[in-house]
Amino acid sequence: MSNSSAIFNLKLQDLNLRTRRIKVEKNVGAGMPKLVICAAVEKLGADILVMGSHDYGFFKRALLGSVSDHCARHVKCPMLVVKRPKNEPSIKYS
């Protein structure tokens, strides 16, 4: 969790340097991600949901399911899925 929090904080600092008009909230939850995220979006009354993508292929996504696909079908606000840039290495969790 510390790697993702550190990356989030760096990206948030970068965003804050560029604009002051966006309010960003970071929440940590436990449970099935797709259900926890959808519930949090509804509870917070979010204006938009921004999620990252693992960019799995069709078969892996079909076997594992996709949190972003589920959220796109169930949240009531607009949603943006962000892919990792091709030149940015994957994060290795230990």
N, C-alpha and C. Protein backbone atom coordinates (compact mmCIF):
# COMPACT_ATOMS: atom_id res chain seq x y z
N MET A 1 0.82 -1.19 0.00
CA MET A 1 0.00 0.00 0.00
C MET A 1 0.87 1.25 0.00
N SER A 2 2.06 1.19 0.56
CA SER A 2 2.90 2.38 0.66
C SER A 2 3.36 2.87 -0.71
N ASN A 3 3.65 1.95 -1.65
CA ASN A 3 4.06 2.37 -3.00
C ASN A 3 2.95 3.14 -3.69
N SER A 4 1.74 2.62 -3.63
CA SER A 4 0.64 3.30 -4.31
C SER A 4 0.33 4.64 -3.64
N SER A 5 0.43 4.70 -2.33
CA SER A 5 0.19 5.97 -1.63
C SER A 5 1.25 7.00 -2.00
N ALA A 6 2.49 6.58 -2.09
CA ALA A 6 3.57 7.50 -2.46
C ALA A 6 3.36 8.03 -3.88
N ILE A 7 3.00 7.15 -4.81
CA ILE A 7 2.76 7.58 -6.18
C ILE A 7 1.57 8.53 -6.24
N PHE A 8 0.50 8.20 -5.53
CA PHE A 8 -0.68 9.07 -5.49
C PHE A 8 -0.30 10.46 -4.97
N ASN A 9 0.46 10.49 -3.88
CA ASN A 9 0.85 11.78 -3.29
C ASN A 9 1.71 12.61 -4.24
N LEU A 10 2.62 11.95 -4.97
CA LEU A 10 3.44 12.67 -5.95
C LEU A 10 2.59 13.24 -7.07
N LYS A 11 1.67 12.44 -7.58
CA LYS A 11 0.78 12.90 -8.66
C LYS A 11 -0.12 14.04 -8.16
N LEU A 12 -0.59 13.93 -6.92
CA LEU A 12 -1.44 14.97 -6.34
C LEU A 12 -0.67 16.27 -6.17
N GLN A 13 0.58 16.18 -5.74
CA GLN A 13 1.41 17.38 -5.61
C GLN A 13 1.59 18.05 -6.97
N ASP A 14 1.83 17.24 -7.99
CA ASP A 14 1.99 17.76 -9.35
C ASP A 14 0.70 18.45 -9.80
N LEU A 15 -0.44 17.83 -9.53
CA LEU A 15 -1.73 18.41 -9.89
C LEU A 15 -1.96 19.73 -9.15
N ASN A 16 -1.61 19.78 -7.87
CA ASN A 16 -1.80 20.99 -7.08
C ASN A 16 -0.91 22.13 -7.55
N LEU A 17 0.25 21.79 -8.11
CA LEU A 17 1.13 22.83 -8.64
C LEU A 17 0.55 23.46 -9.90
N ARG A 18 -0.22 22.66 -10.66
CA ARG A 18 -0.76 23.15 -11.92
C ARG A 18 -2.11 23.85 -11.77
N THR A 19 -2.89 23.47 -10.79
CA THR A 19 -4.21 24.08 -10.63
C THR A 19 -4.65 23.99 -9.18
N ARG A 20 -5.48 24.90 -8.77
CA ARG A 20 -6.01 24.90 -7.40
C ARG A 20 -7.52 24.71 -7.40
N ARG A 21 -8.10 24.42 -8.55
CA ARG A 21 -9.55 24.35 -8.64
C ARG A 21 -10.12 22.95 -8.48
N ILE A 22 -9.29 21.94 -8.29
CA ILE A 22 -9.75 20.56 -8.22
C ILE A 22 -9.61 20.03 -6.80
N LYS A 23 -10.70 19.52 -6.26
CA LYS A 23 -10.66 18.90 -4.94
C LYS A 23 -10.53 17.40 -5.14
N VAL A 24 -9.49 16.81 -4.58
CA VAL A 24 -9.22 15.37 -4.72
C VAL A 24 -9.29 14.74 -3.34
N GLU A 25 -9.98 13.61 -3.25
CA GLU A 25 -10.04 12.87 -1.99
C GLU A 25 -9.46 11.49 -2.20
N LYS A 26 -8.68 11.04 -1.22
CA LYS A 26 -8.11 9.70 -1.23
C LYS A 26 -8.77 8.92 -0.11
N ASN A 27 -9.32 7.75 -0.46
CA ASN A 27 -9.96 6.90 0.53
C ASN A 27 -9.39 5.50 0.43
N VAL A 28 -9.26 4.84 1.57
CA VAL A 28 -8.79 3.46 1.62
C VAL A 28 -9.92 2.61 2.17
N GLY A 29 -10.23 1.51 1.49
CA GLY A 29 -11.31 0.64 1.93
C GLY A 29 -10.87 -0.81 1.92
N ALA A 30 -11.70 -1.67 2.47
CA ALA A 30 -11.41 -3.10 2.51
C ALA A 30 -12.62 -3.85 1.97
N GLY A 31 -12.36 -4.91 1.24
CA GLY A 31 -13.42 -5.73 0.68
C GLY A 31 -13.20 -5.94 -0.80
N MET A 32 -14.27 -6.35 -1.50
CA MET A 32 -14.17 -6.52 -2.95
C MET A 32 -14.05 -5.14 -3.59
N PRO A 33 -12.95 -4.88 -4.29
CA PRO A 33 -12.70 -3.53 -4.81
C PRO A 33 -13.86 -2.95 -5.60
N LYS A 34 -14.46 -3.72 -6.47
CA LYS A 34 -15.52 -3.15 -7.31
C LYS A 34 -16.71 -2.68 -6.48
N LEU A 35 -17.03 -3.41 -5.41
CA LEU A 35 -18.15 -3.03 -4.56
C LEU A 35 -17.80 -1.86 -3.65
N VAL A 36 -16.58 -1.88 -3.11
CA VAL A 36 -16.13 -0.81 -2.21
C VAL A 36 -16.05 0.51 -2.97
N ILE A 37 -15.51 0.48 -4.18
CA ILE A 37 -15.36 1.71 -4.97
C ILE A 37 -16.72 2.28 -5.34
N CYS A 38 -17.62 1.44 -5.82
CA CYS A 38 -18.96 1.92 -6.20
C CYS A 38 -19.70 2.50 -5.00
N ALA A 39 -19.58 1.85 -3.84
CA ALA A 39 -20.24 2.35 -2.63
C ALA A 39 -19.65 3.69 -2.20
N ALA A 40 -18.32 3.83 -2.29
CA ALA A 40 -17.65 5.07 -1.90
C ALA A 40 -18.06 6.22 -2.82
N VAL A 41 -18.16 5.94 -4.12
CA VAL A 41 -18.56 6.98 -5.08
C VAL A 41 -19.96 7.48 -4.74
N GLU A 42 -20.86 6.56 -4.44
CA GLU A 42 -22.23 6.95 -4.10
C GLU A 42 -22.27 7.72 -2.78
N LYS A 43 -21.55 7.23 -1.77
CA LYS A 43 -21.55 7.87 -0.46
C LYS A 43 -20.97 9.29 -0.52
N LEU A 44 -19.90 9.45 -1.29
CA LEU A 44 -19.25 10.76 -1.39
C LEU A 44 -19.98 11.72 -2.33
N GLY A 45 -20.85 11.18 -3.17
CA GLY A 45 -21.51 12.03 -4.17
C GLY A 45 -20.49 12.59 -5.14
N ALA A 46 -19.57 11.74 -5.57
CA ALA A 46 -18.46 12.17 -6.43
C ALA A 46 -18.96 12.75 -7.75
N ASP A 47 -18.25 13.76 -8.23
CA ASP A 47 -18.55 14.36 -9.53
C ASP A 47 -17.96 13.52 -10.67
N ILE A 48 -16.84 12.84 -10.40
CA ILE A 48 -16.19 12.00 -11.40
C ILE A 48 -15.38 10.94 -10.66
N LEU A 49 -15.26 9.76 -11.27
CA LEU A 49 -14.42 8.68 -10.76
C LEU A 49 -13.27 8.49 -11.73
N VAL A 50 -12.04 8.59 -11.23
CA VAL A 50 -10.85 8.37 -12.05
C VAL A 50 -10.18 7.11 -11.54
N MET A 51 -9.96 6.15 -12.45
CA MET A 51 -9.36 4.87 -12.08
C MET A 51 -8.20 4.56 -13.01
N GLY A 52 -7.26 3.80 -12.50
CA GLY A 52 -6.17 3.30 -13.32
C GLY A 52 -6.55 1.98 -13.94
N SER A 53 -5.83 1.56 -14.97
CA SER A 53 -6.09 0.30 -15.65
C SER A 53 -4.82 -0.54 -15.66
N HIS A 54 -4.98 -1.85 -15.43
CA HIS A 54 -3.86 -2.77 -15.56
C HIS A 54 -3.57 -3.06 -17.03
N ASP A 55 -4.54 -2.75 -17.88
CA ASP A 55 -4.42 -2.98 -19.32
C ASP A 55 -4.25 -4.47 -19.63
N TYR A 56 -5.04 -5.30 -18.94
CA TYR A 56 -5.04 -6.73 -19.22
C TYR A 56 -5.64 -6.97 -20.60
N GLY A 57 -5.26 -8.07 -21.20
CA GLY A 57 -5.85 -8.47 -22.47
C GLY A 57 -7.24 -9.03 -22.28
N PHE A 58 -7.88 -9.37 -23.37
CA PHE A 58 -9.26 -9.84 -23.34
C PHE A 58 -9.43 -11.07 -22.46
N PHE A 59 -8.59 -12.09 -22.63
CA PHE A 59 -8.77 -13.34 -21.90
C PHE A 59 -8.51 -13.19 -20.40
N LYS A 60 -7.47 -12.49 -20.04
CA LYS A 60 -7.17 -12.28 -18.63
C LYS A 60 -8.28 -11.47 -17.95
N ARG A 61 -8.79 -10.47 -18.67
CA ARG A 61 -9.87 -9.66 -18.14
C ARG A 61 -11.15 -10.49 -17.99
N ALA A 62 -11.39 -11.40 -18.95
CA ALA A 62 -12.57 -12.26 -18.89
C ALA A 62 -12.49 -13.23 -17.71
N LEU A 63 -11.29 -13.73 -17.42
CA LEU A 63 -11.12 -14.67 -16.30
C LEU A 63 -11.14 -13.98 -14.95
N LEU A 64 -10.45 -12.86 -14.84
CA LEU A 64 -10.32 -12.17 -13.56
C LEU A 64 -11.43 -11.16 -13.30
N GLY A 65 -12.08 -10.72 -14.35
CA GLY A 65 -13.05 -9.64 -14.21
C GLY A 65 -12.31 -8.32 -14.24
N SER A 66 -13.05 -7.26 -14.39
CA SER A 66 -12.44 -5.95 -14.46
C SER A 66 -13.18 -5.02 -13.51
N VAL A 67 -12.43 -4.47 -12.56
CA VAL A 67 -13.03 -3.53 -11.60
C VAL A 67 -13.53 -2.30 -12.33
N SER A 68 -12.74 -1.79 -13.27
CA SER A 68 -13.14 -0.57 -13.98
C SER A 68 -14.38 -0.83 -14.85
N ASP A 69 -14.49 -2.01 -15.47
CA ASP A 69 -15.69 -2.33 -16.25
C ASP A 69 -16.92 -2.36 -15.35
N HIS A 70 -16.80 -2.99 -14.19
CA HIS A 70 -17.92 -3.06 -13.26
C HIS A 70 -18.33 -1.65 -12.81
N CYS A 71 -17.35 -0.85 -12.43
CA CYS A 71 -17.65 0.50 -11.95
C CYS A 71 -18.29 1.35 -13.05
N ALA A 72 -17.81 1.20 -14.28
CA ALA A 72 -18.37 1.97 -15.39
C ALA A 72 -19.85 1.67 -15.58
N ARG A 73 -20.26 0.45 -15.30
CA ARG A 73 -21.66 0.07 -15.46
C ARG A 73 -22.52 0.44 -14.26
N HIS A 74 -21.90 0.65 -13.08
CA HIS A 74 -22.70 0.82 -11.87
C HIS A 74 -22.65 2.20 -11.22
N VAL A 75 -21.63 3.00 -11.47
CA VAL A 75 -21.61 4.33 -10.85
C VAL A 75 -22.49 5.29 -11.65
N LYS A 76 -23.00 6.30 -10.96
CA LYS A 76 -23.93 7.24 -11.60
C LYS A 76 -23.24 8.50 -12.11
N CYS A 77 -21.94 8.63 -11.81
CA CYS A 77 -21.20 9.81 -12.26
C CYS A 77 -20.32 9.43 -13.46
N PRO A 78 -19.79 10.41 -14.17
CA PRO A 78 -18.85 10.11 -15.25
C PRO A 78 -17.60 9.43 -14.69
N MET A 79 -16.96 8.63 -15.54
CA MET A 79 -15.77 7.89 -15.11
C MET A 79 -14.68 8.00 -16.16
N LEU A 80 -13.44 8.13 -15.69
CA LEU A 80 -12.28 8.22 -16.57
C LEU A 80 -11.32 7.11 -16.20
N VAL A 81 -10.94 6.28 -17.18
CA VAL A 81 -9.96 5.21 -16.95
C VAL A 81 -8.64 5.67 -17.56
N VAL A 82 -7.59 5.66 -16.73
CA VAL A 82 -6.28 6.14 -17.14
C VAL A 82 -5.33 4.95 -17.28
N LYS A 83 -4.70 4.86 -18.44
CA LYS A 83 -3.72 3.79 -18.65
C LYS A 83 -2.32 4.31 -18.32
N ARG A 84 -1.47 3.38 -17.90
CA ARG A 84 -0.08 3.71 -17.61
C ARG A 84 0.61 4.03 -18.94
N PRO A 85 1.39 5.10 -18.99
CA PRO A 85 2.13 5.40 -20.22
C PRO A 85 3.05 4.25 -20.59
N LYS A 86 3.23 4.00 -21.87
CA LYS A 86 4.05 2.87 -22.33
C LYS A 86 5.49 2.96 -21.86
N ASN A 87 6.01 4.18 -21.70
CA ASN A 87 7.41 4.34 -21.29
C ASN A 87 7.60 4.31 -19.77
N GLU A 88 6.51 4.17 -19.01
CA GLU A 88 6.61 4.12 -17.55
C GLU A 88 6.58 2.67 -17.09
N PRO A 89 7.58 2.23 -16.31
CA PRO A 89 7.63 0.81 -15.91
C PRO A 89 6.51 0.45 -14.95
N SER A 90 6.14 -0.83 -14.95
CA SER A 90 5.14 -1.33 -14.03
C SER A 90 5.67 -1.28 -12.62
N ILE A 91 4.78 -1.16 -11.64
CA ILE A 91 5.16 -1.17 -10.25
C ILE A 91 5.20 -2.61 -9.76
N LYS A 92 6.29 -2.99 -9.15
CA LYS A 92 6.44 -4.33 -8.60
C LYS A 92 6.15 -4.29 -7.11
N TYR A 93 5.15 -5.03 -6.68
CA TYR A 93 4.78 -5.08 -5.26
C TYR A 93 5.47 -6.26 -4.61
N SER A 94 6.00 -6.05 -3.42
CA SER A 94 6.69 -7.15 -2.73
C SER A 94 5.91 -7.59 -1.52
